[in-house]
Amino acid sequence: MECLLVSFLFCLVAQILHANVSDDEYLWSTDEGNSHNTFHIIPSIAANYSGKTWQYEYNSSSQDLTNLGISGGVNGDVYFFLSETRYHAVDFIICLTTNGVIRWKLYIESVADMIPVGASNIVSDRNGTLYYSVSWTGNEEYTAKICRITYAQTDHPYQECIINYELYMDINSPLAINEKFNLLITAVVDDTFESVPAAMNKTTFEILWINRNYFGAGMNGHYKIDSKTGHMYWIGGDDYLLKFNEKGQKLFDGDSHSGGGRQFVLDNDQQIIVRSWQNMSDIHWPIVVSSWNVSKQFQLRWNWYAPKSISENDAITQPIMNEKGITYLSSMPLIFALSTTGKTLWATKLATNEEMKNFELISWCLSMNSHTGILYVVAGSPLFHKGDAVYFITAVHMDTGKVLKRININHGIAKVTPSCPILIGNDMFYVFWLTGQYPDLVPLKLAGIPQVKP
């Protein structure tokens, strides 16, 4: 009987450990957190959030050209770049706790007689180790560094960098972790393409391959990693979706349509992607959402055509997906849920006709906590809007579309560029925004806000 009990407990522990290993929300592997684009991380170390709203501001210099590179940490901390001058892409990294306390400030390693002109997003593995890259130029020369930060959860982080000019990338470069094969995936500059894909050993930083025959994800792209197979997906500058294996070999590609951003969502279990785009063959450029099977070949599954109220919009959020394969998007004034077969499950109006007219509202971004069943939609006025502006986050129940709460984030400021909320467990979320427009000072503001309860 004792043997059976011990065996049962061993199997239970093994299942729990396996579940942790397979759950993508225990690490921040891409600039959107994971392949489902949820901007949600489950801390493996207690975050000790106080439950109070707070705000942090950095206004020593304008941050409108800074690559913030925002990342969530395994203990609930948040990491981001700041610059001391508008002419540097990055100068140092800030680590803030869930209670708005600066845990540490760390300057990036400099390169003599060069300025930092580009950087990647910051990523975190399951052990809490951070990775990022920075590109430098000066005196008609260029180079780059790939860096690792250990002990990031303490007050004394340790940084080590390796210089390698082959990693150079203009402006922003995407960075993603392939945990299955211990790889860092990025994009590097190329003479023919805007960028090409590259892979490094995550431990040694050795460049294992650079494939110069295909577009990389580029500065507006995103690498998605299938955590089960280790296969990698992205949309290049020619709007073709690429599927690569860990050796840098193309498995297949397919036309994912022009007229949209390069954001898409990957369902690891079913090997399916969903992407929104605009049909430029139609004079009105209507919004379309499409799904493709990407298991063995690139095969269209369904198209969803936007209703008249949003079909001619220019702005739509990145798609996000829950564990059941349901996809969520927002294009003001609507947020909607699509089934695995492309049918509308529900659609909810987030603003009145008067608000849409007066403030020209657009959807900026979307985050999701599938554990509490709540979506967070960031909406507000575009930068070209004249007159009074408004910016807010709406919490929506993901099963029913019911609006739970609207949270104002503009604080009376006319021009705001908000980011996606980063959700920490079920406790709180961070939201970043830039205030104003250059040549006026453009400070960065960050708030910590309690998550909405269902």
Protein backbone atom coordinates (compact mmCIF):
# COMPACT_ATOMS: atom_id res chain seq x y z
CA MET A 1 0.00 0.00 0.00
CA GLU A 2 2.86 2.36 0.87
CA CYS A 3 4.51 1.54 -2.45
CA LEU A 4 1.34 2.39 -4.32
CA LEU A 5 1.02 5.68 -2.42
CA VAL A 6 4.66 6.58 -3.10
CA SER A 7 4.22 5.72 -6.79
CA PHE A 8 1.07 7.82 -6.96
CA LEU A 9 2.75 10.80 -5.33
CA PHE A 10 5.77 10.45 -7.62
CA CYS A 11 3.52 10.42 -10.70
CA LEU A 12 1.57 13.40 -9.39
CA VAL A 13 4.74 15.42 -8.83
CA ALA A 14 6.05 14.41 -12.26
CA GLN A 15 2.79 15.54 -13.87
CA ILE A 16 2.97 18.88 -12.06
CA LEU A 17 6.58 19.39 -13.12
CA HIS A 18 5.72 18.44 -16.69
CA ALA A 19 2.80 20.87 -16.66
CA ASN A 20 5.14 23.63 -15.50
CA VAL A 21 7.65 22.80 -18.21
CA SER A 22 5.00 22.86 -20.95
CA ASP A 23 3.26 26.02 -19.76
CA ASP A 24 4.55 28.95 -21.81
CA GLU A 25 3.40 31.50 -19.22
CA TYR A 26 6.20 30.57 -16.82
CA LEU A 27 8.73 32.43 -18.98
CA TRP A 28 8.80 35.61 -21.08
CA SER A 29 10.08 34.10 -24.31
CA THR A 30 9.15 36.82 -26.86
CA ASP A 31 8.28 40.49 -26.86
CA GLU A 32 4.61 39.49 -26.34
CA GLY A 33 5.39 37.02 -23.58
CA ASN A 34 4.50 33.79 -25.37
CA SER A 35 3.15 32.38 -28.63
CA HIS A 36 -0.45 33.09 -27.54
CA ASN A 37 0.36 36.84 -27.24
CA THR A 38 -1.30 37.05 -23.82
CA PHE A 39 1.21 39.47 -22.21
CA HIS A 40 0.70 37.34 -19.06
CA ILE A 41 3.33 35.67 -16.87
CA ILE A 42 2.76 33.38 -13.90
CA PRO A 43 5.41 34.19 -11.27
CA SER A 44 7.27 31.17 -9.94
CA ILE A 45 8.35 33.29 -6.96
CA ALA A 46 5.82 35.17 -4.80
CA ALA A 47 5.34 38.73 -6.09
CA ASN A 48 4.13 40.13 -2.72
CA TYR A 49 1.97 42.80 -4.37
CA SER A 50 0.41 45.23 -1.87
CA GLY A 51 -2.82 45.61 -3.83
CA LYS A 52 -2.37 49.37 -4.23
CA THR A 53 -2.21 51.42 -7.44
CA TRP A 54 1.04 53.33 -7.98
CA GLN A 55 2.78 55.34 -10.71
CA TYR A 56 6.41 55.74 -11.79
CA GLU A 57 7.69 58.46 -14.13
CA TYR A 58 11.00 59.02 -15.91
CA ASN A 59 11.22 62.54 -17.33
CA SER A 60 14.95 63.28 -17.49
CA SER A 61 14.85 62.98 -21.29
CA SER A 62 12.41 62.18 -24.10
CA GLN A 63 11.78 58.46 -24.58
CA ASP A 64 9.89 58.55 -27.89
CA LEU A 65 12.80 56.89 -29.76
CA THR A 66 13.83 54.53 -26.97
CA ASN A 67 13.35 50.83 -27.56
CA LEU A 68 11.68 50.00 -24.24
CA GLY A 69 12.09 46.23 -24.74
CA ILE A 70 9.62 45.51 -21.91
CA SER A 71 9.67 42.09 -20.23
CA GLY A 72 8.00 40.39 -17.29
CA GLY A 73 10.11 38.43 -14.80
CA VAL A 74 9.67 35.10 -12.99
CA ASN A 75 9.13 36.94 -9.68
CA GLY A 76 6.68 39.49 -11.12
CA ASP A 77 9.26 42.26 -11.62
CA VAL A 78 9.22 44.21 -14.87
CA TYR A 79 12.31 45.14 -16.91
CA PHE A 80 12.66 47.91 -19.50
CA PHE A 81 15.23 50.10 -21.23
CA LEU A 82 15.55 53.87 -20.82
CA SER A 83 17.86 56.39 -22.51
CA GLU A 84 19.59 59.48 -21.21
CA THR A 85 19.42 61.23 -24.56
CA ARG A 86 16.95 61.07 -27.43
CA TYR A 87 19.81 60.09 -29.75
CA HIS A 88 20.51 56.79 -27.97
CA ALA A 89 18.24 53.78 -28.47
CA VAL A 90 19.06 52.56 -24.94
CA ASP A 91 21.40 53.49 -22.10
CA PHE A 92 20.34 51.47 -19.07
CA ILE A 93 17.84 48.91 -17.76
CA ILE A 94 15.41 49.49 -14.90
CA CYS A 95 13.95 46.69 -12.78
CA LEU A 96 10.75 47.60 -10.94
CA THR A 97 8.92 45.44 -8.40
CA THR A 98 5.15 44.92 -8.38
CA ASN A 99 4.95 47.67 -5.74
CA GLY A 100 6.72 50.27 -7.91
CA VAL A 101 10.07 50.08 -6.11
CA ILE A 102 13.26 50.23 -8.19
CA ARG A 103 15.09 46.98 -7.44
CA TRP A 104 18.08 47.93 -9.58
CA LYS A 105 19.36 50.14 -12.38
CA LEU A 106 21.99 48.67 -14.68
CA TYR A 107 23.87 50.47 -17.47
CA ILE A 108 24.46 48.56 -20.68
CA GLU A 109 28.08 47.86 -21.58
CA SER A 110 29.43 50.66 -23.75
CA VAL A 111 31.54 50.48 -26.91
CA ALA A 112 34.27 53.09 -27.28
CA ASP A 113 33.50 55.88 -29.79
CA MET A 114 30.12 54.36 -30.73
CA ILE A 115 26.50 55.10 -29.84
CA PRO A 116 23.71 52.52 -29.31
CA VAL A 117 21.39 52.71 -32.32
CA GLY A 118 19.26 49.63 -31.84
CA ALA A 119 18.26 46.99 -29.32
CA SER A 120 16.18 43.88 -28.99
CA ASN A 121 13.36 43.25 -26.58
CA ILE A 122 14.32 41.69 -23.23
CA VAL A 123 13.43 38.02 -22.67
CA SER A 124 13.50 35.86 -19.53
CA ASP A 125 13.92 32.10 -19.27
CA ARG A 126 12.39 29.85 -16.60
CA ASN A 127 15.38 30.39 -14.31
CA GLY A 128 14.91 34.15 -14.40
CA THR A 129 17.99 34.82 -16.54
CA LEU A 130 17.52 37.81 -18.86
CA TYR A 131 18.81 38.19 -22.43
CA TYR A 132 19.00 41.15 -24.80
CA SER A 133 21.12 42.54 -27.65
CA VAL A 134 22.31 46.06 -28.52
CA SER A 135 23.69 47.39 -31.82
CA TRP A 136 26.28 50.17 -32.05
CA THR A 137 27.66 52.44 -34.75
CA GLY A 138 30.27 55.19 -35.07
CA ASN A 139 33.11 56.33 -37.34
CA GLU A 140 31.59 54.37 -40.25
CA GLU A 141 31.89 51.16 -38.24
CA TYR A 142 29.30 48.99 -36.53
CA THR A 143 29.07 46.12 -34.08
CA ALA A 144 26.68 44.46 -31.65
CA LYS A 145 26.58 42.75 -28.27
CA ILE A 146 24.50 39.91 -26.92
CA CYS A 147 24.10 40.06 -23.13
CA ARG A 148 22.95 37.92 -20.23
CA ILE A 149 21.84 39.12 -16.78
CA THR A 150 21.84 36.64 -13.91
CA TYR A 151 20.70 37.21 -10.31
CA ALA A 152 18.08 39.57 -11.73
CA GLN A 153 15.75 38.83 -8.80
CA THR A 154 18.28 40.20 -6.30
CA ASP A 155 19.58 43.70 -5.65
CA HIS A 156 22.90 42.78 -7.27
CA PRO A 157 22.39 41.61 -10.86
CA TYR A 158 25.38 40.34 -12.82
CA GLN A 159 25.78 41.23 -16.50
CA GLU A 160 28.01 39.57 -19.08
CA CYS A 161 28.17 40.44 -22.77
CA ILE A 162 29.89 39.12 -25.87
CA ILE A 163 30.64 41.40 -28.81
CA ASN A 164 29.85 40.10 -32.31
CA TYR A 165 29.37 42.39 -35.30
CA GLU A 166 27.33 39.70 -37.11
CA LEU A 167 24.42 40.39 -34.72
CA TYR A 168 24.10 44.01 -35.86
CA MET A 169 20.54 45.12 -36.64
CA ASP A 170 19.27 48.62 -37.40
CA ILE A 171 16.80 50.06 -34.87
CA ASN A 172 14.86 47.21 -33.20
CA SER A 173 15.51 43.50 -33.50
CA PRO A 174 13.18 40.73 -32.26
CA LEU A 175 14.57 38.24 -29.76
CA ALA A 176 12.95 34.96 -28.73
CA ILE A 177 13.92 31.94 -26.63
CA ASN A 178 13.66 28.42 -28.04
CA GLU A 179 13.73 26.45 -24.79
CA LYS A 180 13.52 23.02 -26.42
CA PHE A 181 16.82 23.46 -28.25
CA ASN A 182 18.48 26.03 -25.94
CA LEU A 183 18.50 28.72 -28.65
CA LEU A 184 18.15 32.48 -28.92
CA ILE A 185 16.44 33.47 -32.18
CA THR A 186 16.89 36.95 -33.63
CA ALA A 187 17.15 38.95 -36.86
CA VAL A 188 20.31 40.53 -38.29
CA VAL A 189 20.91 43.08 -41.03
CA ASP A 190 21.44 41.92 -44.62
CA ASP A 191 22.44 43.59 -47.90
CA THR A 192 19.54 42.05 -49.86
CA PHE A 193 16.72 41.64 -47.31
CA GLU A 194 15.70 44.07 -44.59
CA SER A 195 16.78 41.38 -42.14
CA VAL A 196 17.51 37.64 -42.05
CA PRO A 197 16.99 35.05 -39.28
CA ALA A 198 19.79 33.94 -36.98
CA ALA A 199 20.19 31.54 -34.06
CA MET A 200 22.63 31.43 -31.14
CA ASN A 201 23.39 28.90 -28.46
CA LYS A 202 21.71 30.35 -25.36
CA THR A 203 24.56 29.22 -23.11
CA THR A 204 27.69 30.04 -25.13
CA PHE A 205 26.27 32.78 -27.41
CA GLU A 206 27.90 31.05 -30.38
CA ILE A 207 26.11 31.86 -33.64
CA LEU A 208 24.91 28.51 -34.95
CA TRP A 209 23.39 29.70 -38.21
CA ILE A 210 22.34 32.73 -40.25
CA ASN A 211 20.05 31.94 -43.17
CA ARG A 212 20.49 34.70 -45.76
CA ASN A 213 18.03 33.18 -48.24
CA TYR A 214 14.89 34.37 -46.43
CA PHE A 215 13.46 37.40 -44.66
CA GLY A 216 13.84 37.55 -40.89
CA ALA A 217 11.09 38.81 -38.61
CA GLY A 218 12.52 42.33 -38.84
CA MET A 219 11.97 45.29 -36.55
CA ASN A 220 8.17 44.99 -36.71
CA GLY A 221 8.04 41.21 -36.65
CA HIS A 222 7.65 38.53 -34.02
CA TYR A 223 9.11 35.04 -33.71
CA LYS A 224 6.73 32.36 -32.43
CA ILE A 225 8.24 29.18 -31.00
CA ASP A 226 6.31 25.91 -30.77
CA SER A 227 7.38 24.78 -27.29
CA LYS A 228 6.63 21.13 -28.11
CA THR A 229 8.46 20.74 -31.43
CA GLY A 230 10.86 23.68 -31.24
CA HIS A 231 9.75 24.80 -34.71
CA MET A 232 9.84 28.54 -35.36
CA TYR A 233 7.35 30.73 -37.23
CA TRP A 234 7.41 34.32 -38.40
CA ILE A 235 6.15 36.64 -41.15
CA GLY A 236 8.90 38.29 -43.18
CA GLY A 237 9.07 41.55 -45.10
CA ASP A 238 7.42 39.95 -48.14
CA ASP A 239 4.36 38.93 -46.02
CA TYR A 240 5.21 35.25 -46.37
CA LEU A 241 4.94 33.10 -43.27
CA LEU A 242 8.03 30.95 -42.72
CA LYS A 243 8.39 27.75 -40.72
CA PHE A 244 11.94 26.75 -39.75
CA ASN A 245 13.45 23.93 -37.73
CA GLU A 246 16.16 24.37 -35.10
CA LYS A 247 18.93 23.93 -37.71
CA GLY A 248 17.83 26.97 -39.72
CA GLN A 249 16.23 24.93 -42.49
CA LYS A 250 12.98 26.11 -44.05
CA LEU A 251 10.19 23.56 -43.67
CA PHE A 252 7.72 25.57 -45.79
CA ASP A 253 6.42 29.06 -46.47
CA GLY A 254 3.12 30.56 -47.57
CA ASP A 255 1.56 33.90 -48.54
CA SER A 256 -0.16 35.30 -45.44
CA HIS A 257 -1.51 38.33 -47.40
CA SER A 258 -0.30 41.91 -47.48
CA GLY A 259 -1.98 44.87 -45.87
CA GLY A 260 -1.47 44.12 -42.22
CA GLY A 261 1.04 44.02 -39.42
CA ARG A 262 3.22 40.97 -38.93
CA GLN A 263 1.46 39.92 -35.76
CA PHE A 264 -0.19 36.52 -35.53
CA VAL A 265 -1.01 33.95 -32.88
CA LEU A 266 0.18 30.33 -32.78
CA ASP A 267 -1.79 27.41 -31.34
CA ASN A 268 0.96 24.97 -30.30
CA ASP A 269 -1.43 22.07 -29.73
CA GLN A 270 -3.17 22.20 -33.11
CA GLN A 271 -0.34 23.84 -35.12
CA ILE A 272 -2.68 26.57 -36.34
CA ILE A 273 -2.07 30.30 -36.76
CA VAL A 274 -4.53 33.20 -36.89
CA ARG A 275 -3.75 36.60 -38.39
CA SER A 276 -5.69 39.80 -39.15
CA TRP A 277 -4.97 41.74 -42.35
CA GLN A 278 -6.49 44.28 -44.76
CA ASN A 279 -7.66 43.23 -48.22
CA MET A 280 -5.90 45.78 -50.46
CA SER A 281 -7.50 44.34 -53.58
CA ASP A 282 -10.74 45.93 -52.35
CA ILE A 283 -10.97 49.72 -52.66
CA HIS A 284 -12.11 49.98 -49.03
CA TRP A 285 -9.26 47.83 -47.62
CA PRO A 286 -11.60 45.84 -45.35
CA ILE A 287 -10.36 43.93 -42.31
CA VAL A 288 -10.13 40.14 -42.67
CA VAL A 289 -9.09 37.56 -40.07
CA SER A 290 -7.67 34.31 -41.47
CA SER A 291 -6.59 30.98 -40.02
CA TRP A 292 -4.11 28.54 -41.52
CA ASN A 293 -3.01 25.02 -40.68
CA VAL A 294 0.80 25.03 -40.36
CA SER A 295 1.50 21.44 -39.34
CA LYS A 296 2.89 20.02 -42.61
CA GLN A 297 1.95 22.66 -45.16
CA PHE A 298 0.47 26.15 -45.29
CA GLN A 299 -3.27 25.56 -45.76
CA LEU A 300 -6.12 28.05 -45.34
CA ARG A 301 -8.76 26.95 -42.83
CA TRP A 302 -11.17 29.89 -42.80
CA ASN A 303 -11.64 33.62 -43.37
CA TRP A 304 -13.67 35.90 -41.11
CA TYR A 305 -14.96 39.16 -42.58
CA ALA A 306 -15.43 42.13 -40.29
CA PRO A 307 -18.91 43.63 -39.83
CA LYS A 308 -19.68 46.97 -41.40
CA SER A 309 -19.13 48.89 -38.15
CA ILE A 310 -15.38 48.09 -38.18
CA SER A 311 -14.63 46.72 -41.65
CA GLU A 312 -12.95 49.91 -42.88
CA ASN A 313 -10.92 50.54 -39.73
CA ASP A 314 -7.14 50.80 -40.03
CA ALA A 315 -6.38 49.65 -36.48
CA ILE A 316 -6.94 46.21 -34.98
CA THR A 317 -5.13 44.56 -32.07
CA GLN A 318 -2.85 41.57 -32.27
CA PRO A 319 -4.85 38.33 -31.96
CA ILE A 320 -4.63 36.41 -28.69
CA MET A 321 -5.76 32.84 -28.07
CA ASN A 322 -6.84 30.78 -25.07
CA GLU A 323 -6.10 27.12 -24.41
CA LYS A 324 -9.30 26.08 -26.23
CA GLY A 325 -8.21 27.76 -29.46
CA ILE A 326 -10.68 30.67 -29.22
CA THR A 327 -9.23 33.87 -30.72
CA TYR A 328 -9.90 37.38 -29.42
CA LEU A 329 -9.33 40.71 -31.20
CA SER A 330 -10.47 44.30 -30.82
CA SER A 331 -11.08 47.04 -33.36
CA MET A 332 -12.97 49.94 -31.85
CA PRO A 333 -15.71 50.10 -30.91
CA LEU A 334 -15.81 46.29 -30.79
CA ILE A 335 -14.07 43.44 -29.05
CA PHE A 336 -15.02 39.98 -30.34
CA ALA A 337 -14.34 36.27 -29.93
CA LEU A 338 -13.94 33.83 -32.83
CA SER A 339 -14.43 30.08 -32.57
CA THR A 340 -11.98 27.46 -33.85
CA THR A 341 -14.01 27.43 -37.09
CA GLY A 342 -14.02 31.22 -37.56
CA LYS A 343 -17.54 31.92 -36.29
CA THR A 344 -18.35 34.95 -34.12
CA LEU A 345 -19.06 33.74 -30.58
CA TRP A 346 -19.80 37.19 -29.21
CA ALA A 347 -19.07 40.85 -29.92
CA THR A 348 -19.23 43.68 -27.41
CA LYS A 349 -19.34 47.42 -27.94
CA LEU A 350 -16.79 49.27 -25.81
CA ALA A 351 -17.64 52.89 -26.63
CA THR A 352 -20.66 54.97 -27.62
CA ASN A 353 -21.14 56.48 -31.07
CA GLU A 354 -20.53 59.91 -29.55
CA GLU A 355 -17.22 58.81 -28.02
CA MET A 356 -16.13 57.32 -31.33
CA LYS A 357 -16.93 60.57 -33.13
CA ASN A 358 -15.45 62.96 -30.58
CA PHE A 359 -12.23 61.05 -29.82
CA GLU A 360 -11.64 58.94 -33.00
CA LEU A 361 -10.98 55.94 -30.76
CA ILE A 362 -8.76 53.07 -31.89
CA SER A 363 -7.78 49.79 -30.24
CA TRP A 364 -4.13 49.85 -29.23
CA CYS A 365 -3.56 46.44 -27.67
CA LEU A 366 -5.08 43.41 -25.96
CA SER A 367 -3.96 41.24 -23.01
CA MET A 368 -5.52 38.15 -21.47
CA ASN A 369 -5.59 36.26 -18.18
CA SER A 370 -7.12 32.89 -19.07
CA HIS A 371 -6.98 31.79 -15.42
CA THR A 372 -9.44 34.49 -14.31
CA GLY A 373 -11.15 34.63 -17.71
CA ILE A 374 -10.59 38.36 -18.24
CA LEU A 375 -9.42 40.34 -21.28
CA TYR A 376 -7.89 43.82 -21.02
CA VAL A 377 -8.38 46.14 -24.02
CA VAL A 378 -6.33 49.35 -24.35
CA ALA A 379 -8.21 51.96 -26.39
CA GLY A 380 -7.83 55.68 -27.00
CA SER A 381 -7.32 58.52 -29.43
CA PRO A 382 -4.65 58.23 -32.16
CA LEU A 383 -1.73 60.65 -32.21
CA PHE A 384 -3.17 62.50 -35.22
CA HIS A 385 -6.35 63.34 -33.27
CA LYS A 386 -6.93 67.06 -32.70
CA GLY A 387 -8.53 68.35 -29.52
CA ASP A 388 -9.43 66.52 -26.33
CA ALA A 389 -8.30 62.90 -26.14
CA VAL A 390 -9.19 59.94 -23.97
CA TYR A 391 -7.39 56.67 -23.12
CA PHE A 392 -8.71 53.76 -21.09
CA ILE A 393 -8.45 50.04 -20.38
CA THR A 394 -11.61 47.94 -20.43
CA ALA A 395 -11.82 44.62 -18.57
CA VAL A 396 -14.07 42.16 -20.43
CA HIS A 397 -15.19 38.64 -19.47
CA MET A 398 -13.72 36.34 -22.09
CA ASP A 399 -16.57 33.79 -22.02
CA THR A 400 -19.49 36.21 -22.32
CA GLY A 401 -18.09 39.51 -23.56
CA LYS A 402 -19.54 41.30 -20.53
CA VAL A 403 -17.81 44.58 -19.68
CA LEU A 404 -16.57 44.39 -16.09
CA LYS A 405 -14.76 47.70 -15.62
CA ARG A 406 -13.29 50.69 -17.45
CA ILE A 407 -10.00 52.11 -16.11
CA ASN A 408 -8.97 55.62 -17.19
CA ILE A 409 -5.24 56.03 -17.94
CA ASN A 410 -4.91 59.39 -19.65
CA HIS A 411 -4.90 61.57 -16.50
CA GLY A 412 -5.82 64.68 -18.50
CA ILE A 413 -2.92 64.39 -20.96
CA ALA A 414 -3.74 65.22 -24.57
CA LYS A 415 -1.28 62.89 -26.35
CA VAL A 416 -0.53 59.38 -25.12
CA THR A 417 1.16 56.35 -26.70
CA PRO A 418 0.15 53.37 -24.53
CA SER A 419 1.61 49.89 -24.41
CA CYS A 420 -0.01 46.53 -23.72
CA PRO A 421 -0.74 45.71 -20.08
CA ILE A 422 1.66 43.12 -18.64
CA LEU A 423 -0.35 40.83 -16.38
CA ILE A 424 1.40 39.37 -13.31
CA GLY A 425 -0.34 36.24 -12.07
CA ASN A 426 -3.86 37.08 -10.97
CA ASP A 427 -2.80 40.04 -8.83
CA MET A 428 -1.83 43.13 -10.84
CA PHE A 429 -0.77 44.52 -14.18
CA TYR A 430 1.76 47.05 -15.43
CA VAL A 431 0.79 49.57 -18.09
CA PHE A 432 3.29 51.89 -19.81
CA TRP A 433 2.63 55.02 -21.80
CA LEU A 434 4.60 57.84 -23.40
CA THR A 435 3.16 61.31 -22.83
CA GLY A 436 3.22 64.14 -25.38
CA GLN A 437 5.02 64.51 -28.70
CA TYR A 438 8.51 65.64 -29.67
CA PRO A 439 9.88 68.41 -29.71
CA ASP A 440 8.09 68.67 -26.36
CA LEU A 441 9.47 66.47 -23.60
CA VAL A 442 8.18 62.89 -23.95
CA PRO A 443 8.48 61.20 -20.54
CA LEU A 444 7.72 57.55 -19.83
CA LYS A 445 5.05 56.75 -17.25
CA LEU A 446 4.29 53.37 -15.76
CA ALA A 447 1.47 52.37 -13.44
CA GLY A 448 0.86 49.28 -11.35
CA ILE A 449 -2.86 48.49 -11.11
CA PRO A 450 -4.78 45.66 -9.39
CA GLN A 451 -6.31 43.15 -11.79
CA VAL A 452 -10.10 43.05 -12.02
CA LYS A 453 -11.81 40.18 -10.24
CA PRO A 454 -14.41 38.16 -12.19
